[in-house]
Amino acid sequence: MSRRIFSVLFILMLLFGYAIAENNGAGKRTIREVAKDGRFIVYDNGTVLDTKTNLMWAAKDNGKDIKWQEAKLYCDNYKGGGYTDWRLPRLAELEELYDEHKSQPAKCTNGNSIHFATGLIDITCLCLWASETNASTNEVAYFDFSFGVRSAIANQWSQSSRVLPVRSSEQCPTIDFLSYFKGNI
């Protein structure tokens, strides 16, 4: 009899613990891992974690040509995954995503390829804006994923330029522990 009571209590504790994990104790939904590609983990909330740099990226860029000032506003106001601390990436952070051995066609041009470290982040064009600026020349920085180079250009430029929000991920996302163990046992 006591074994049966213990079993029922154990199941109730699991269910109660799962319910708390589901809403994270504060009404927030627990995110689930949906795919992996080497060091990159995609979550069901539209984010991708780079486990090498511990940066969380939006799962896709903004999808159209954008000027640097608009790109900065886009990142400042981005709410992907329920987070509010998104920002423009630094050149060094973008450079970490370049991989000359991986190639995918650029959706914005005919014939050009993007060399991006993972296909799990949807990059639609060749260049991504970076946070660095030069006030004396009125230039802003971008990283070119076609050639793997850092560059700068007048801040009014928008052709073939996109933005990919990033945030620091000091805390690992809350993982649905039942799904985690199902895939790792």
C-alpha atoms as a PDB file:
ATOM      1  CA  MET A   1       0.000   0.000   0.000  1.00  0.00           C
ATOM      2  CA  SER A   2       2.767   2.438   0.897  1.00  0.00           C
ATOM      3  CA  ARG A   3       4.492   1.677  -2.405  1.00  0.00           C
ATOM      4  CA  ARG A   4       1.301   2.598  -4.257  1.00  0.00           C
ATOM      5  CA  ILE A   5       0.926   5.854  -2.308  1.00  0.00           C
ATOM      6  CA  PHE A   6       4.564   6.662  -2.975  1.00  0.00           C
ATOM      7  CA  SER A   7       4.066   5.990  -6.699  1.00  0.00           C
ATOM      8  CA  VAL A   8       1.016   8.254  -6.842  1.00  0.00           C
ATOM      9  CA  LEU A   9       2.823  10.996  -4.909  1.00  0.00           C
ATOM     10  CA  PHE A  10       5.849  10.664  -7.180  1.00  0.00           C
ATOM     11  CA  ILE A  11       3.713  11.000 -10.308  1.00  0.00           C
ATOM     12  CA  LEU A  12       1.929  14.015  -8.830  1.00  0.00           C
ATOM     13  CA  MET A  13       5.256  15.608  -7.970  1.00  0.00           C
ATOM     14  CA  LEU A  14       6.479  15.038 -11.518  1.00  0.00           C
ATOM     15  CA  LEU A  15       3.326  16.530 -12.979  1.00  0.00           C
ATOM     16  CA  PHE A  16       3.432  19.479 -10.608  1.00  0.00           C
ATOM     17  CA  GLY A  17       7.120  20.033 -11.333  1.00  0.00           C
ATOM     18  CA  TYR A  18       6.440  19.841 -15.057  1.00  0.00           C
ATOM     19  CA  ALA A  19       3.628  22.396 -14.743  1.00  0.00           C
ATOM     20  CA  ILE A  20       5.965  24.777 -12.927  1.00  0.00           C
ATOM     21  CA  ALA A  21       8.657  24.201 -15.549  1.00  0.00           C
ATOM     22  CA  GLU A  22       6.112  24.814 -18.331  1.00  0.00           C
ATOM     23  CA  ASN A  23       5.292  28.311 -17.111  1.00  0.00           C
ATOM     24  CA  ASN A  24       8.680  28.906 -15.519  1.00  0.00           C
ATOM     25  CA  GLY A  25       7.016  29.941 -12.263  1.00  0.00           C
ATOM     26  CA  ALA A  26       6.406  33.439 -13.669  1.00  0.00           C
ATOM     27  CA  GLY A  27       3.984  32.833 -16.506  1.00  0.00           C
ATOM     28  CA  LYS A  28       6.753  32.441 -19.087  1.00  0.00           C
ATOM     29  CA  ARG A  29       6.610  29.481 -21.427  1.00  0.00           C
ATOM     30  CA  THR A  30       9.525  27.082 -21.305  1.00  0.00           C
ATOM     31  CA  ILE A  31      11.380  26.953 -24.599  1.00  0.00           C
ATOM     32  CA  ARG A  32      12.185  23.684 -26.286  1.00  0.00           C
ATOM     33  CA  GLU A  33      15.154  22.668 -28.369  1.00  0.00           C
ATOM     34  CA  VAL A  34      14.012  21.802 -31.881  1.00  0.00           C
ATOM     35  CA  ALA A  35      17.249  21.298 -33.820  1.00  0.00           C
ATOM     36  CA  LYS A  36      21.045  21.204 -33.504  1.00  0.00           C
ATOM     37  CA  ASP A  37      23.855  21.880 -35.927  1.00  0.00           C
ATOM     38  CA  GLY A  38      27.238  21.439 -34.305  1.00  0.00           C
ATOM     39  CA  ARG A  39      27.595  24.288 -31.857  1.00  0.00           C
ATOM     40  CA  PHE A  40      24.178  25.826 -32.689  1.00  0.00           C
ATOM     41  CA  ILE A  41      20.901  24.979 -30.947  1.00  0.00           C
ATOM     42  CA  VAL A  42      17.564  26.180 -32.326  1.00  0.00           C
ATOM     43  CA  TYR A  43      14.700  26.777 -29.920  1.00  0.00           C
ATOM     44  CA  ASP A  44      10.983  26.907 -30.633  1.00  0.00           C
ATOM     45  CA  ASN A  45      10.815  30.588 -29.670  1.00  0.00           C
ATOM     46  CA  GLY A  46      12.684  31.848 -32.740  1.00  0.00           C
ATOM     47  CA  THR A  47      16.148  31.979 -31.196  1.00  0.00           C
ATOM     48  CA  VAL A  48      19.426  30.176 -31.882  1.00  0.00           C
ATOM     49  CA  LEU A  49      22.093  29.666 -29.228  1.00  0.00           C
ATOM     50  CA  ASP A  50      25.740  29.575 -30.278  1.00  0.00           C
ATOM     51  CA  THR A  51      27.282  27.375 -27.588  1.00  0.00           C
ATOM     52  CA  LYS A  52      30.802  28.396 -28.623  1.00  0.00           C
ATOM     53  CA  THR A  53      30.285  32.114 -27.942  1.00  0.00           C
ATOM     54  CA  ASN A  54      27.263  31.841 -25.611  1.00  0.00           C
ATOM     55  CA  LEU A  55      25.421  34.368 -27.772  1.00  0.00           C
ATOM     56  CA  MET A  56      21.766  34.044 -28.651  1.00  0.00           C
ATOM     57  CA  TRP A  57      20.834  35.064 -32.186  1.00  0.00           C
ATOM     58  CA  ALA A  58      17.513  35.748 -33.819  1.00  0.00           C
ATOM     59  CA  ALA A  59      16.655  32.751 -36.015  1.00  0.00           C
ATOM     60  CA  LYS A  60      16.397  35.000 -39.073  1.00  0.00           C
ATOM     61  CA  ASP A  61      17.508  38.423 -40.239  1.00  0.00           C
ATOM     62  CA  ASN A  62      15.054  41.272 -40.889  1.00  0.00           C
ATOM     63  CA  GLY A  63      14.509  40.035 -44.463  1.00  0.00           C
ATOM     64  CA  LYS A  64      14.946  43.242 -46.473  1.00  0.00           C
ATOM     65  CA  ASP A  65      17.418  46.031 -47.206  1.00  0.00           C
ATOM     66  CA  ILE A  66      17.796  48.332 -44.227  1.00  0.00           C
ATOM     67  CA  LYS A  67      19.917  51.367 -43.343  1.00  0.00           C
ATOM     68  CA  TRP A  68      22.176  51.239 -40.299  1.00  0.00           C
ATOM     69  CA  GLN A  69      20.069  53.639 -38.188  1.00  0.00           C
ATOM     70  CA  GLU A  70      16.949  51.581 -38.931  1.00  0.00           C
ATOM     71  CA  ALA A  71      18.892  48.411 -38.125  1.00  0.00           C
ATOM     72  CA  LYS A  72      19.862  49.795 -34.727  1.00  0.00           C
ATOM     73  CA  LEU A  73      16.230  50.682 -33.977  1.00  0.00           C
ATOM     74  CA  TYR A  74      15.140  47.263 -35.206  1.00  0.00           C
ATOM     75  CA  CYS A  75      17.458  45.550 -32.692  1.00  0.00           C
ATOM     76  CA  ASP A  76      16.619  47.945 -29.852  1.00  0.00           C
ATOM     77  CA  ASN A  77      12.905  47.185 -30.310  1.00  0.00           C
ATOM     78  CA  TYR A  78      13.190  43.493 -31.162  1.00  0.00           C
ATOM     79  CA  LYS A  79      11.279  41.197 -28.793  1.00  0.00           C
ATOM     80  CA  GLY A  80      12.172  37.795 -30.257  1.00  0.00           C
ATOM     81  CA  GLY A  81      11.823  34.858 -27.900  1.00  0.00           C
ATOM     82  CA  GLY A  82      10.251  37.170 -25.337  1.00  0.00           C
ATOM     83  CA  TYR A  83      13.590  38.866 -24.586  1.00  0.00           C
ATOM     84  CA  THR A  84      13.999  42.645 -24.612  1.00  0.00           C
ATOM     85  CA  ASP A  85      17.798  42.991 -24.454  1.00  0.00           C
ATOM     86  CA  TRP A  86      18.603  42.508 -28.159  1.00  0.00           C
ATOM     87  CA  ARG A  87      21.272  44.665 -29.813  1.00  0.00           C
ATOM     88  CA  LEU A  88      23.324  45.127 -32.966  1.00  0.00           C
ATOM     89  CA  PRO A  89      26.181  42.614 -33.049  1.00  0.00           C
ATOM     90  CA  ARG A  90      29.829  43.639 -32.970  1.00  0.00           C
ATOM     91  CA  LEU A  91      32.061  42.882 -35.960  1.00  0.00           C
ATOM     92  CA  ALA A  92      33.964  40.226 -34.015  1.00  0.00           C
ATOM     93  CA  GLU A  93      30.687  38.473 -33.158  1.00  0.00           C
ATOM     94  CA  LEU A  94      29.603  38.437 -36.792  1.00  0.00           C
ATOM     95  CA  GLU A  95      33.024  37.221 -37.872  1.00  0.00           C
ATOM     96  CA  GLU A  96      32.558  34.180 -35.601  1.00  0.00           C
ATOM     97  CA  LEU A  97      29.597  33.200 -37.826  1.00  0.00           C
ATOM     98  CA  TYR A  98      31.648  33.198 -41.036  1.00  0.00           C
ATOM     99  CA  ASP A  99      32.696  29.783 -42.351  1.00  0.00           C
ATOM    100  CA  GLU A 100      34.403  29.704 -45.749  1.00  0.00           C
ATOM    101  CA  HIS A 101      33.746  25.951 -45.995  1.00  0.00           C
ATOM    102  CA  LYS A 102      29.970  26.305 -45.826  1.00  0.00           C
ATOM    103  CA  SER A 103      28.060  27.902 -48.644  1.00  0.00           C
ATOM    104  CA  GLN A 104      24.438  28.723 -49.367  1.00  0.00           C
ATOM    105  CA  PRO A 105      22.914  30.884 -52.104  1.00  0.00           C
ATOM    106  CA  ALA A 106      22.105  34.483 -51.212  1.00  0.00           C
ATOM    107  CA  LYS A 107      18.372  35.032 -51.653  1.00  0.00           C
ATOM    108  CA  CYS A 108      18.869  38.691 -52.573  1.00  0.00           C
ATOM    109  CA  THR A 109      21.179  38.191 -55.580  1.00  0.00           C
ATOM    110  CA  ASN A 110      21.778  35.802 -58.423  1.00  0.00           C
ATOM    111  CA  GLY A 111      24.986  33.845 -58.257  1.00  0.00           C
ATOM    112  CA  ASN A 112      26.430  35.084 -54.971  1.00  0.00           C
ATOM    113  CA  SER A 113      26.899  32.766 -52.010  1.00  0.00           C
ATOM    114  CA  ILE A 114      26.873  33.344 -48.285  1.00  0.00           C
ATOM    115  CA  HIS A 115      29.438  31.520 -46.141  1.00  0.00           C
ATOM    116  CA  PHE A 116      27.628  31.161 -42.849  1.00  0.00           C
ATOM    117  CA  ALA A 117      28.507  28.771 -40.031  1.00  0.00           C
ATOM    118  CA  THR A 118      25.011  27.280 -39.825  1.00  0.00           C
ATOM    119  CA  GLY A 119      21.954  26.861 -41.976  1.00  0.00           C
ATOM    120  CA  LEU A 120      19.797  27.134 -38.858  1.00  0.00           C
ATOM    121  CA  ILE A 121      19.871  30.933 -39.019  1.00  0.00           C
ATOM    122  CA  ASP A 122      18.105  32.355 -42.052  1.00  0.00           C
ATOM    123  CA  ILE A 123      20.373  34.960 -43.651  1.00  0.00           C
ATOM    124  CA  THR A 124      18.795  36.463 -46.768  1.00  0.00           C
ATOM    125  CA  CYS A 125      21.631  38.610 -48.111  1.00  0.00           C
ATOM    126  CA  LEU A 126      25.383  39.140 -48.193  1.00  0.00           C
ATOM    127  CA  CYS A 127      26.034  41.757 -45.503  1.00  0.00           C
ATOM    128  CA  LEU A 128      24.988  42.197 -41.878  1.00  0.00           C
ATOM    129  CA  TRP A 129      25.273  45.488 -40.006  1.00  0.00           C
ATOM    130  CA  ALA A 130      27.560  45.739 -36.968  1.00  0.00           C
ATOM    131  CA  SER A 131      27.452  48.149 -34.031  1.00  0.00           C
ATOM    132  CA  GLU A 132      30.782  49.910 -34.708  1.00  0.00           C
ATOM    133  CA  THR A 133      30.648  53.446 -36.071  1.00  0.00           C
ATOM    134  CA  ASN A 134      33.139  56.165 -37.013  1.00  0.00           C
ATOM    135  CA  ALA A 135      31.796  59.633 -36.206  1.00  0.00           C
ATOM    136  CA  SER A 136      34.603  61.451 -38.026  1.00  0.00           C
ATOM    137  CA  THR A 137      33.900  59.727 -41.357  1.00  0.00           C
ATOM    138  CA  ASN A 138      30.164  59.143 -40.784  1.00  0.00           C
ATOM    139  CA  GLU A 139      30.692  55.473 -41.645  1.00  0.00           C
ATOM    140  CA  VAL A 140      29.201  52.360 -40.097  1.00  0.00           C
ATOM    141  CA  ALA A 141      30.527  48.810 -40.018  1.00  0.00           C
ATOM    142  CA  TYR A 142      29.206  45.650 -41.615  1.00  0.00           C
ATOM    143  CA  PHE A 143      30.425  42.128 -42.201  1.00  0.00           C
ATOM    144  CA  ASP A 144      30.327  40.678 -45.719  1.00  0.00           C
ATOM    145  CA  PHE A 145      29.493  36.955 -45.638  1.00  0.00           C
ATOM    146  CA  SER A 146      30.231  36.571 -49.322  1.00  0.00           C
ATOM    147  CA  PHE A 147      33.943  37.325 -48.943  1.00  0.00           C
ATOM    148  CA  GLY A 148      34.421  37.115 -45.159  1.00  0.00           C
ATOM    149  CA  VAL A 149      35.580  40.701 -44.705  1.00  0.00           C
ATOM    150  CA  ARG A 150      34.916  43.502 -42.281  1.00  0.00           C
ATOM    151  CA  SER A 151      34.100  46.791 -43.936  1.00  0.00           C
ATOM    152  CA  ALA A 152      32.578  50.233 -43.435  1.00  0.00           C
ATOM    153  CA  ILE A 153      30.348  52.395 -45.584  1.00  0.00           C
ATOM    154  CA  ALA A 154      28.329  55.615 -45.415  1.00  0.00           C
ATOM    155  CA  ASN A 155      25.564  55.244 -42.857  1.00  0.00           C
ATOM    156  CA  GLN A 156      22.838  55.886 -45.461  1.00  0.00           C
ATOM    157  CA  TRP A 157      23.682  52.739 -47.443  1.00  0.00           C
ATOM    158  CA  SER A 158      21.120  49.933 -47.424  1.00  0.00           C
ATOM    159  CA  GLN A 159      21.639  47.803 -50.547  1.00  0.00           C
ATOM    160  CA  SER A 160      22.210  44.091 -49.748  1.00  0.00           C
ATOM    161  CA  SER A 161      22.380  44.911 -46.032  1.00  0.00           C
ATOM    162  CA  ARG A 162      20.411  43.145 -43.332  1.00  0.00           C
ATOM    163  CA  VAL A 163      20.411  43.037 -39.569  1.00  0.00           C
ATOM    164  CA  LEU A 164      20.549  40.022 -37.261  1.00  0.00           C
ATOM    165  CA  PRO A 165      19.761  40.822 -33.609  1.00  0.00           C
ATOM    166  CA  VAL A 166      21.939  39.256 -30.932  1.00  0.00           C
ATOM    167  CA  ARG A 167      21.890  39.117 -27.160  1.00  0.00           C
ATOM    168  CA  SER A 168      24.257  37.857 -24.527  1.00  0.00           C
ATOM    169  CA  SER A 169      23.083  34.620 -23.031  1.00  0.00           C
ATOM    170  CA  GLU A 170      24.581  34.563 -19.550  1.00  0.00           C
ATOM    171  CA  GLN A 171      21.785  32.314 -18.407  1.00  0.00           C
ATOM    172  CA  CYS A 172      21.001  29.201 -20.353  1.00  0.00           C
ATOM    173  CA  PRO A 173      17.408  29.035 -21.533  1.00  0.00           C
ATOM    174  CA  THR A 174      14.967  27.003 -19.479  1.00  0.00           C
ATOM    175  CA  ILE A 175      14.708  23.661 -21.188  1.00  0.00           C
ATOM    176  CA  ASP A 176      11.692  21.362 -21.024  1.00  0.00           C
ATOM    177  CA  PHE A 177      13.348  18.628 -18.960  1.00  0.00           C
ATOM    178  CA  LEU A 178      11.012  15.837 -20.133  1.00  0.00           C
ATOM    179  CA  SER A 179      11.769  16.567 -23.809  1.00  0.00           C
ATOM    180  CA  TYR A 180      15.449  16.911 -22.966  1.00  0.00           C
ATOM    181  CA  PHE A 181      15.642  13.480 -21.356  1.00  0.00           C
ATOM    182  CA  LYS A 182      13.583  11.846 -24.108  1.00  0.00           C
ATOM    183  CA  GLY A 183      16.214  12.877 -26.623  1.00  0.00           C
ATOM    184  CA  ASN A 184      19.217  12.206 -24.406  1.00  0.00           C
ATOM    185  CA  ILE A 185      18.541   8.864 -22.756  1.00  0.00           C
END
